[in-house]
Structure formats: C-alpha cells, structure tokens
Amino acid sequence: MSQDAKPEVGSIGWIDLTVPDAEPLRDFYASVTGWKPEPVDMGGYSDFNMTAPASGEPKAGICHARGGNRGIPQAWIIYIVVADLDASVAACRERGGEVVGEPRPMGAMGRYAFIRDPAGAACALFESA
C-alpha cells in the first residue's frame, strides 16, 4: 500500500498473495503479467511488491507465509479500507463472520485484520493511520 495518500473508505487498498515459497510465484507473475518485483526486507528474508512496469507503482504483494504472515490463507487477498477497524471486526462477528487472528499493525500505515465472511470467503480489513 502506498503511504502517499490516505485510501478511500470502501476501496480496495491492496491485494497480496501469501504462500510458503514466494520466489517461484514472484517469477511466475513477473513473466505472466509483466509486473516488476521489488524486494521488501522482512528481517532475514524478502517479500515482494509487484510494480507496474511503466509507472513503477506497487500494485500487489507476494509474500512468504512466515512471521506475521504465518497462517494467512493461501489465496489472493484483497484489503478493503474501513473507517474503524475495531467496529468492522465487531460487525463481522455479529453478522456471522469469523476474525482470523486479531487486528495487527502494518507499520506506520495503519492496522489490518483477516476475516472470513459467513460463506467462508477470506479478505482483509484495513484501517489507515
């Protein structure tokens, strides 16, 4: 996610894919989509921002299922921007959804939480700092 502008509530602020071994999928998506990978230091290993070739703007992430990313569903996850993460997490539970782990920080950018809706589909909710 870009730190430049505060994302609009209700928008999809980011997408990423978390898998046990990110490098092969980094290379797969670079070849298939034209995205250019940029390493993101995670302290002992790198995850990857996948950037648009013309603008160099990050469009997606491909991450290792390690550290804070352990246990994330192995699928493309969208991050939906919400105004109040705690209220959205409470509403998720009240409406029959499941919170997968508790809200966690995303550096200085904000906080996020993974959820499953009542049908079992996973996504993340993101509150900008």
C-alpha atoms as a PDB file:
ATOM      1  CA  MET A   1       0.000   0.000   0.000  1.00  0.00           C
ATOM      2  CA  SER A   2       1.215   3.449  -0.787  1.00  0.00           C
ATOM      3  CA  GLN A   3       1.941   5.795   2.096  1.00  0.00           C
ATOM      4  CA  ASP A   4       1.429   8.863  -0.112  1.00  0.00           C
ATOM      5  CA  ALA A   5      -2.345   9.283   0.003  1.00  0.00           C
ATOM      6  CA  LYS A   6      -4.906   8.130   2.531  1.00  0.00           C
ATOM      7  CA  PRO A   7      -7.041   5.449   0.837  1.00  0.00           C
ATOM      8  CA  GLU A   8     -10.769   5.984   0.407  1.00  0.00           C
ATOM      9  CA  VAL A   9     -13.005   4.058   2.822  1.00  0.00           C
ATOM     10  CA  GLY A  10     -14.724   1.275   0.905  1.00  0.00           C
ATOM     11  CA  SER A  11     -11.998   0.983  -1.715  1.00  0.00           C
ATOM     12  CA  ILE A  12      -9.741  -1.982  -2.274  1.00  0.00           C
ATOM     13  CA  GLY A  13      -6.476  -0.620  -0.953  1.00  0.00           C
ATOM     14  CA  TRP A  14      -4.199  -3.557  -1.746  1.00  0.00           C
ATOM     15  CA  ILE A  15      -4.021  -7.197  -2.805  1.00  0.00           C
ATOM     16  CA  ASP A  16      -1.474  -9.787  -1.887  1.00  0.00           C
ATOM     17  CA  LEU A  17      -0.728 -13.475  -2.082  1.00  0.00           C
ATOM     18  CA  THR A  18       0.930 -15.296   0.806  1.00  0.00           C
ATOM     19  CA  VAL A  19       2.485 -18.691   0.148  1.00  0.00           C
ATOM     20  CA  PRO A  20       5.174 -20.911   1.718  1.00  0.00           C
ATOM     21  CA  ASP A  21       7.734 -20.053  -1.004  1.00  0.00           C
ATOM     22  CA  ALA A  22       7.242 -16.626  -2.607  1.00  0.00           C
ATOM     23  CA  GLU A  23      10.145 -16.613  -5.093  1.00  0.00           C
ATOM     24  CA  PRO A  24       8.685 -19.051  -7.651  1.00  0.00           C
ATOM     25  CA  LEU A  25       5.366 -17.178  -7.679  1.00  0.00           C
ATOM     26  CA  ARG A  26       7.168 -13.837  -7.864  1.00  0.00           C
ATOM     27  CA  ASP A  27       8.848 -15.097 -11.037  1.00  0.00           C
ATOM     28  CA  PHE A  28       5.614 -16.632 -12.367  1.00  0.00           C
ATOM     29  CA  TYR A  29       3.637 -13.394 -12.027  1.00  0.00           C
ATOM     30  CA  ALA A  30       6.520 -11.296 -13.369  1.00  0.00           C
ATOM     31  CA  SER A  31       6.521 -13.439 -16.521  1.00  0.00           C
ATOM     32  CA  VAL A  32       2.747 -13.713 -16.889  1.00  0.00           C
ATOM     33  CA  THR A  33       1.714 -10.129 -16.021  1.00  0.00           C
ATOM     34  CA  GLY A  34       4.813  -8.018 -16.677  1.00  0.00           C
ATOM     35  CA  TRP A  35       4.942  -6.884 -13.034  1.00  0.00           C
ATOM     36  CA  LYS A  36       8.420  -5.967 -11.849  1.00  0.00           C
ATOM     37  CA  PRO A  37       9.309  -7.388  -8.423  1.00  0.00           C
ATOM     38  CA  GLU A  38      10.827  -5.152  -5.745  1.00  0.00           C
ATOM     39  CA  PRO A  39      12.114  -6.853  -2.593  1.00  0.00           C
ATOM     40  CA  VAL A  40      10.753  -5.718   0.770  1.00  0.00           C
ATOM     41  CA  ASP A  41      13.130  -6.557   3.628  1.00  0.00           C
ATOM     42  CA  MET A  42      11.337  -8.605   6.270  1.00  0.00           C
ATOM     43  CA  GLY A  43      14.375  -9.123   8.503  1.00  0.00           C
ATOM     44  CA  GLY A  44      16.228 -12.157   7.184  1.00  0.00           C
ATOM     45  CA  TYR A  45      14.175 -12.675   4.026  1.00  0.00           C
ATOM     46  CA  SER A  46      12.298 -10.606   1.465  1.00  0.00           C
ATOM     47  CA  ASP A  47       8.679 -10.384   0.438  1.00  0.00           C
ATOM     48  CA  PHE A  48       7.922  -8.603  -2.825  1.00  0.00           C
ATOM     49  CA  ASN A  49       5.999  -5.602  -4.065  1.00  0.00           C
ATOM     50  CA  MET A  50       4.963  -6.257  -7.639  1.00  0.00           C
ATOM     51  CA  THR A  51       5.073  -2.983  -9.551  1.00  0.00           C
ATOM     52  CA  ALA A  52       3.559  -1.776 -12.820  1.00  0.00           C
ATOM     53  CA  PRO A  53       6.337  -1.684 -15.417  1.00  0.00           C
ATOM     54  CA  ALA A  54       5.589   1.783 -16.807  1.00  0.00           C
ATOM     55  CA  SER A  55       4.913   3.692 -13.586  1.00  0.00           C
ATOM     56  CA  GLY A  56       6.902   1.644 -11.091  1.00  0.00           C
ATOM     57  CA  GLU A  57       3.861   1.918  -8.798  1.00  0.00           C
ATOM     58  CA  PRO A  58       3.295  -1.078  -6.473  1.00  0.00           C
ATOM     59  CA  LYS A  59       0.145  -2.973  -7.477  1.00  0.00           C
ATOM     60  CA  ALA A  60       0.282  -6.168  -5.392  1.00  0.00           C
ATOM     61  CA  GLY A  61       2.362  -8.124  -2.913  1.00  0.00           C
ATOM     62  CA  ILE A  62       3.699 -11.657  -2.988  1.00  0.00           C
ATOM     63  CA  CYS A  63       4.705 -12.769   0.495  1.00  0.00           C
ATOM     64  CA  HIS A  64       6.202 -15.688   2.377  1.00  0.00           C
ATOM     65  CA  ALA A  65       3.955 -17.366   4.955  1.00  0.00           C
ATOM     66  CA  ARG A  66       6.400 -16.525   7.751  1.00  0.00           C
ATOM     67  CA  GLY A  67       6.428 -14.301  10.828  1.00  0.00           C
ATOM     68  CA  GLY A  68       3.334 -12.108  10.939  1.00  0.00           C
ATOM     69  CA  ASN A  69       2.148 -13.684   7.685  1.00  0.00           C
ATOM     70  CA  ARG A  70       2.038 -17.199   9.124  1.00  0.00           C
ATOM     71  CA  GLY A  71      -1.444 -18.679   8.890  1.00  0.00           C
ATOM     72  CA  ILE A  72      -2.764 -16.308   6.208  1.00  0.00           C
ATOM     73  CA  PRO A  73      -4.990 -18.152   3.723  1.00  0.00           C
ATOM     74  CA  GLN A  74      -3.065 -19.192   0.584  1.00  0.00           C
ATOM     75  CA  ALA A  75      -5.091 -17.150  -1.900  1.00  0.00           C
ATOM     76  CA  TRP A  76      -5.123 -13.662  -3.374  1.00  0.00           C
ATOM     77  CA  ILE A  77      -6.397 -11.487  -0.510  1.00  0.00           C
ATOM     78  CA  ILE A  78      -7.978  -8.083  -1.047  1.00  0.00           C
ATOM     79  CA  TYR A  79      -7.609  -5.417   1.660  1.00  0.00           C
ATOM     80  CA  ILE A  80     -10.820  -3.412   1.986  1.00  0.00           C
ATOM     81  CA  VAL A  81     -10.352   0.044   3.531  1.00  0.00           C
ATOM     82  CA  VAL A  82     -12.592   0.683   6.562  1.00  0.00           C
ATOM     83  CA  ALA A  83     -13.055   3.772   8.732  1.00  0.00           C
ATOM     84  CA  ASP A  84     -12.851   1.958  12.096  1.00  0.00           C
ATOM     85  CA  LEU A  85     -11.211  -1.466  12.192  1.00  0.00           C
ATOM     86  CA  ASP A  86     -12.472  -2.341  15.678  1.00  0.00           C
ATOM     87  CA  ALA A  87     -16.071  -1.535  14.722  1.00  0.00           C
ATOM     88  CA  SER A  88     -15.750  -3.509  11.470  1.00  0.00           C
ATOM     89  CA  VAL A  89     -14.291  -6.534  13.283  1.00  0.00           C
ATOM     90  CA  ALA A  90     -17.158  -6.400  15.801  1.00  0.00           C
ATOM     91  CA  ALA A  91     -19.700  -6.157  12.963  1.00  0.00           C
ATOM     92  CA  CYS A  92     -18.057  -9.136  11.242  1.00  0.00           C
ATOM     93  CA  ARG A  93     -18.509 -11.273  14.351  1.00  0.00           C
ATOM     94  CA  GLU A  94     -22.067 -10.032  14.955  1.00  0.00           C
ATOM     95  CA  ARG A  95     -23.065 -10.858  11.365  1.00  0.00           C
ATOM     96  CA  GLY A  96     -21.753 -14.441  11.449  1.00  0.00           C
ATOM     97  CA  GLY A  97     -18.265 -13.885  10.085  1.00  0.00           C
ATOM     98  CA  GLU A  98     -15.002 -15.078  11.599  1.00  0.00           C
ATOM     99  CA  VAL A  99     -11.981 -12.973  12.511  1.00  0.00           C
ATOM    100  CA  VAL A 100      -8.800 -14.901  11.645  1.00  0.00           C
ATOM    101  CA  GLY A 101      -6.386 -13.638  14.295  1.00  0.00           C
ATOM    102  CA  GLU A 102      -6.709 -10.292  15.983  1.00  0.00           C
ATOM    103  CA  PRO A 103      -6.055  -6.902  14.343  1.00  0.00           C
ATOM    104  CA  ARG A 104      -2.376  -6.228  13.803  1.00  0.00           C
ATOM    105  CA  PRO A 105      -0.252  -3.232  12.844  1.00  0.00           C
ATOM    106  CA  MET A 106       1.004  -2.589   9.312  1.00  0.00           C
ATOM    107  CA  GLY A 107       3.932  -0.430  10.312  1.00  0.00           C
ATOM    108  CA  ALA A 108       3.127   3.285  10.275  1.00  0.00           C
ATOM    109  CA  MET A 109       0.474   2.752   7.595  1.00  0.00           C
ATOM    110  CA  GLY A 110      -2.327   1.516   9.848  1.00  0.00           C
ATOM    111  CA  ARG A 111      -3.850  -1.753  11.090  1.00  0.00           C
ATOM    112  CA  TYR A 112      -5.493  -4.736   9.468  1.00  0.00           C
ATOM    113  CA  ALA A 113      -7.337  -7.959  10.256  1.00  0.00           C
ATOM    114  CA  PHE A 114      -8.173 -11.031   8.221  1.00  0.00           C
ATOM    115  CA  ILE A 115     -11.764 -12.184   8.184  1.00  0.00           C
ATOM    116  CA  ARG A 116     -13.926 -14.898   6.638  1.00  0.00           C
ATOM    117  CA  ASP A 117     -17.464 -13.988   5.678  1.00  0.00           C
ATOM    118  CA  PRO A 118     -20.389 -16.319   6.520  1.00  0.00           C
ATOM    119  CA  ALA A 119     -19.874 -18.101   3.165  1.00  0.00           C
ATOM    120  CA  GLY A 120     -16.205 -18.798   4.048  1.00  0.00           C
ATOM    121  CA  ALA A 121     -14.538 -16.308   1.680  1.00  0.00           C
ATOM    122  CA  ALA A 122     -11.460 -14.574   3.118  1.00  0.00           C
ATOM    123  CA  CYS A 123     -10.380 -10.933   2.852  1.00  0.00           C
ATOM    124  CA  ALA A 124      -8.632  -8.347   4.987  1.00  0.00           C
ATOM    125  CA  LEU A 125      -9.969  -5.144   6.501  1.00  0.00           C
ATOM    126  CA  PHE A 126      -7.542  -2.204   6.640  1.00  0.00           C
ATOM    127  CA  GLU A 127      -7.745   0.992   8.684  1.00  0.00           C
ATOM    128  CA  SER A 128      -5.357   3.724   7.531  1.00  0.00           C
ATOM    129  CA  ALA A 129      -3.327   5.595  10.157  1.00  0.00           C
END
